[in-house]
Protein backbone atom coordinates (compact mmCIF):
# COMPACT_ATOMS: atom_id res chain seq x y z
CA MET A 1 -0.23 -0.09 -0.03
CA LEU A 2 1.28 3.51 -0.77
CA VAL A 3 0.56 6.60 1.10
CA ALA A 4 -0.09 10.19 -0.27
CA PRO A 5 -0.89 12.45 2.31
CA SER A 6 -2.81 15.11 1.69
CA ILE A 7 -1.08 18.66 2.47
CA LEU A 8 -4.70 20.44 2.85
CA SER A 9 -4.62 18.96 7.00
CA ALA A 10 -0.78 20.32 7.23
CA ASP A 11 -0.19 23.56 9.14
CA PHE A 12 0.40 25.91 6.46
CA GLY A 13 2.03 28.39 8.76
CA TYR A 14 4.36 25.57 9.01
CA LEU A 15 4.11 24.06 5.81
CA ALA A 16 7.50 23.38 4.40
CA GLU A 17 8.59 21.73 7.86
CA ASP A 18 5.19 19.65 7.48
CA VAL A 19 6.01 18.28 3.84
CA LYS A 20 9.93 17.18 4.42
CA ALA A 21 8.85 15.75 7.50
CA ILE A 22 5.92 13.22 5.71
CA CYS A 23 8.69 12.81 3.55
CA GLU A 24 11.13 11.94 6.20
CA GLY A 25 7.91 10.19 7.43
CA GLY A 26 7.67 7.28 4.50
CA CYS A 27 5.39 8.69 2.40
CA ASP A 28 5.10 7.47 -1.39
CA LEU A 29 3.64 10.28 -2.77
CA VAL A 30 3.01 13.99 -1.25
CA HIS A 31 -1.18 14.70 -2.60
CA VAL A 32 -2.08 18.28 -3.34
CA ASP A 33 -6.08 19.00 -3.47
CA VAL A 34 -6.56 22.21 -6.02
CA MET A 35 -9.51 23.97 -5.55
CA ASP A 36 -11.13 26.40 -7.05
CA GLY A 37 -14.21 28.06 -5.30
CA HIS A 38 -16.39 26.98 -8.25
CA PHE A 39 -16.37 23.32 -8.91
CA VAL A 40 -16.43 22.69 -4.63
CA PRO A 41 -17.08 25.26 -2.04
CA ASN A 42 -13.67 26.03 -1.51
CA LEU A 43 -10.78 27.46 -2.25
CA THR A 44 -6.99 26.17 -1.47
CA ILE A 45 -3.65 26.63 -3.35
CA GLY A 46 -2.00 27.68 -6.81
CA PRO A 47 1.18 27.21 -8.28
CA VAL A 48 3.03 29.52 -6.26
CA VAL A 49 2.50 27.76 -2.83
CA VAL A 50 2.78 24.26 -4.57
CA SER A 51 6.15 25.46 -6.53
CA ALA A 52 7.20 25.96 -2.68
CA VAL A 53 6.26 22.42 -1.94
CA ALA A 54 8.22 20.93 -4.64
CA LYS A 55 11.31 22.74 -3.75
CA VAL A 56 11.20 20.23 -0.49
CA ALA A 57 9.53 17.65 -1.21
CA THR A 58 11.47 14.81 -1.83
CA LYS A 59 8.63 12.61 -3.18
CA PRO A 60 6.79 13.17 -5.94
CA LEU A 61 3.83 15.14 -6.56
CA ASP A 62 0.01 13.97 -6.84
CA ILE A 63 -2.08 17.17 -7.68
CA HIS A 64 -6.10 16.85 -7.37
CA LEU A 65 -7.49 19.04 -9.56
CA MET A 66 -10.93 20.26 -8.65
CA VAL A 67 -11.66 22.31 -10.37
CA GLU A 68 -13.68 23.88 -13.42
CA ASN A 69 -11.44 24.98 -16.41
CA ASN A 70 -9.26 21.74 -15.98
CA THR A 71 -7.21 22.41 -18.85
CA PHE A 72 -6.10 26.00 -18.02
CA PHE A 73 -4.62 24.56 -14.25
CA VAL A 74 -3.05 21.42 -16.21
CA ASN A 75 -1.28 23.96 -17.77
CA LEU A 76 -0.78 26.06 -14.81
CA PHE A 77 0.64 23.01 -12.58
CA ALA A 78 2.22 20.88 -15.38
CA PRO A 79 5.94 23.18 -15.13
CA LEU A 80 6.61 21.57 -12.14
CA LYS A 81 6.63 18.17 -13.40
CA PRO A 82 4.49 16.02 -10.88
CA GLU A 83 3.95 12.51 -11.01
CA TYR A 84 -0.10 12.49 -11.58
CA ILE A 85 -2.44 15.13 -12.55
CA SER A 86 -5.90 14.35 -12.07
CA PHE A 87 -8.96 15.69 -12.33
CA HIS A 88 -12.41 15.32 -12.28
CA MET A 89 -15.06 13.50 -14.91
CA GLU A 90 -17.84 14.92 -13.78
CA GLU A 91 -16.27 18.55 -14.65
CA GLU A 92 -14.09 17.62 -18.81
CA LYS A 93 -16.18 17.09 -21.51
CA HIS A 94 -13.23 15.67 -23.61
CA PRO A 95 -11.68 13.61 -20.91
CA HIS A 96 -9.61 11.66 -23.68
CA ARG A 97 -8.60 14.55 -24.87
CA LEU A 98 -6.97 16.25 -21.89
CA VAL A 99 -5.59 12.58 -21.07
CA GLN A 100 -3.72 12.62 -24.68
CA TYR A 101 -2.50 16.33 -23.33
CA ILE A 102 -1.43 15.14 -19.83
CA ARG A 103 0.58 12.35 -21.03
CA SER A 104 2.52 14.83 -23.96
CA LEU A 105 3.39 16.83 -20.96
CA GLY A 106 5.40 14.29 -19.69
CA ILE A 107 2.91 13.71 -16.99
CA LYS A 108 0.77 10.51 -15.98
CA PRO A 109 -2.50 11.24 -16.46
CA ALA A 110 -5.63 10.27 -13.80
CA LEU A 111 -9.36 9.99 -13.57
CA VAL A 112 -11.12 10.89 -10.40
CA LEU A 113 -14.76 10.09 -9.30
CA ASN A 114 -17.37 11.56 -6.96
CA PRO A 115 -18.80 9.27 -4.05
CA HIS A 116 -21.60 8.78 -6.96
CA THR A 117 -20.12 8.13 -10.26
CA PRO A 118 -19.91 4.72 -11.11
CA PRO A 119 -16.62 3.25 -12.33
CA GLU A 120 -18.37 1.59 -15.93
CA THR A 121 -18.76 5.30 -16.99
CA ILE A 122 -14.75 5.33 -17.08
CA GLU A 123 -14.68 1.84 -18.68
CA PHE A 124 -13.36 2.98 -22.27
CA LEU A 125 -10.67 4.89 -20.93
CA LEU A 126 -8.71 2.96 -18.67
CA ALA A 127 -6.39 1.95 -21.17
CA ASP A 128 -4.95 5.50 -21.27
CA VAL A 129 -5.06 6.51 -17.81
CA ASP A 130 -2.40 5.45 -15.05
CA MET A 131 -4.51 5.99 -12.18
CA VAL A 132 -8.27 6.37 -11.17
CA LEU A 133 -8.81 8.21 -8.31
CA LEU A 134 -12.06 7.01 -6.34
CA MET A 135 -13.52 10.25 -3.72
CA SER A 136 -14.56 8.26 -0.50
CA VAL A 137 -15.66 11.66 1.14
CA ASN A 138 -17.82 14.09 -1.07
CA PRO A 139 -15.21 17.03 -2.54
CA GLY A 140 -14.38 19.71 -0.91
CA PHE A 141 -13.23 19.65 2.25
CA GLY A 142 -10.75 17.47 4.76
CA GLY A 143 -11.84 15.74 7.92
CA GLN A 144 -15.16 14.07 6.54
CA ARG A 145 -16.18 10.56 7.42
CA PHE A 146 -15.24 7.47 5.23
CA ILE A 147 -18.47 6.81 2.85
CA PRO A 148 -18.62 2.34 2.75
CA SER A 149 -19.77 2.38 -0.25
CA VAL A 150 -16.59 2.76 -2.06
CA ILE A 151 -15.25 -0.34 -1.17
CA GLU A 152 -17.60 -2.60 -3.60
CA LYS A 153 -17.04 0.23 -6.27
CA ALA A 154 -13.39 -0.17 -5.52
CA LYS A 155 -13.79 -4.03 -6.24
CA ARG A 156 -15.97 -3.35 -9.66
CA LEU A 157 -13.26 -0.66 -11.12
CA LYS A 158 -10.74 -2.99 -9.94
CA ALA A 159 -12.29 -5.87 -12.01
CA LEU A 160 -12.29 -3.07 -15.11
CA ILE A 161 -9.22 -2.34 -14.62
CA ASN A 162 -7.73 -5.93 -14.54
CA LYS A 163 -9.89 -6.54 -17.94
CA HIS A 164 -8.58 -3.13 -19.71
CA ASN A 165 -5.35 -1.96 -17.89
CA PRO A 166 -3.65 -4.02 -15.42
CA GLN A 167 -0.94 -1.85 -14.60
CA CYS A 168 -3.88 1.09 -14.28
CA LEU A 169 -3.48 1.86 -9.85
CA ILE A 170 -6.24 2.91 -7.70
CA GLU A 171 -6.20 5.72 -5.51
CA VAL A 172 -8.67 6.24 -2.28
CA ASP A 173 -9.25 10.13 -1.24
CA GLY A 174 -10.95 10.73 2.02
CA GLY A 175 -11.75 9.39 5.99
CA VAL A 176 -8.93 6.78 5.53
CA ASN A 177 -7.70 5.28 8.41
CA ASP A 178 -5.94 2.13 10.16
CA VAL A 179 -8.95 0.16 10.13
CA ASN A 180 -10.67 0.59 6.73
CA ILE A 181 -7.63 0.35 5.21
CA LYS A 182 -7.72 -3.20 5.58
CA GLU A 183 -10.89 -3.88 3.42
CA LEU A 184 -9.62 -1.21 0.85
CA GLU A 185 -6.69 -3.08 0.42
CA LYS A 186 -8.61 -6.40 0.11
CA ALA A 187 -10.70 -4.78 -2.85
CA GLY A 188 -7.71 -3.80 -4.88
CA VAL A 189 -6.86 -0.26 -3.85
CA ASP A 190 -3.23 0.81 -3.92
CA ILE A 191 -2.56 4.23 -2.83
CA VAL A 192 -4.90 6.02 -0.31
CA VAL A 193 -4.42 9.68 0.46
CA ALA A 194 -4.79 10.28 4.08
CA GLY A 195 -4.84 13.72 5.88
CA SER A 196 -6.36 14.14 8.97
CA PHE A 197 -5.43 10.92 9.95
CA VAL A 198 -1.74 11.57 8.82
CA PHE A 199 -1.54 15.52 10.09
CA GLY A 200 -3.59 14.84 13.33
CA HIS A 201 -1.92 11.70 14.51
CA LYS A 202 -0.85 11.78 18.29
CA ASP A 203 1.88 9.79 17.55
CA GLY A 204 3.81 11.59 14.64
CA TYR A 205 3.57 11.33 11.13
CA GLU A 206 6.29 8.67 10.81
CA LEU A 207 3.87 6.45 13.14
CA ALA A 208 0.77 7.19 11.41
CA ILE A 209 2.16 6.76 8.04
CA SER A 210 3.79 3.18 9.11
CA SER A 211 0.22 2.14 10.34
CA LEU A 212 -1.10 2.52 7.02
CA LYS A 213 1.47 0.36 5.38
């Protein structure tokens, strides 16, 4: 299991220190939630802040766009050379075109599905992406409770991936902890995004990450 702590839950007054600490603590990716205040009712960070994160992170960036006008935001963050850029299927009119564009920039494209969106909607895109992110909370805010139906959804997605693109990874974001992660692993999930669990852990980031692994 790979762990991608979401910096949305970090202390932004000490953001550089927090990013260094999760990288030293054994995380695999640094998850960056980009929200525009339109697609979701929250506004987070732009390329200036993420550029500063990239300078101190020793693990690859995993940029999750929760925005309108995806291509505009892809062009903002592509110069930072993240490992992944993921975008929401619910917002994009031409997802195949955008997947191809992200890959042409040397970045791995990923799709995101909101809790209500069935995995079958992306069956014919799976061959072209490196990862699918399943939201296990409603996007927009950290600290929400895990939606249990994502377990069955992950199983259905895994079956489709095995059929079309076995190399494609499944990532789950929202309310993940050291209890429900066991069911996620059984369902075929490869990466978990954990914000509150890691940054709010009473025993520190390293122990939080190792407990998930």
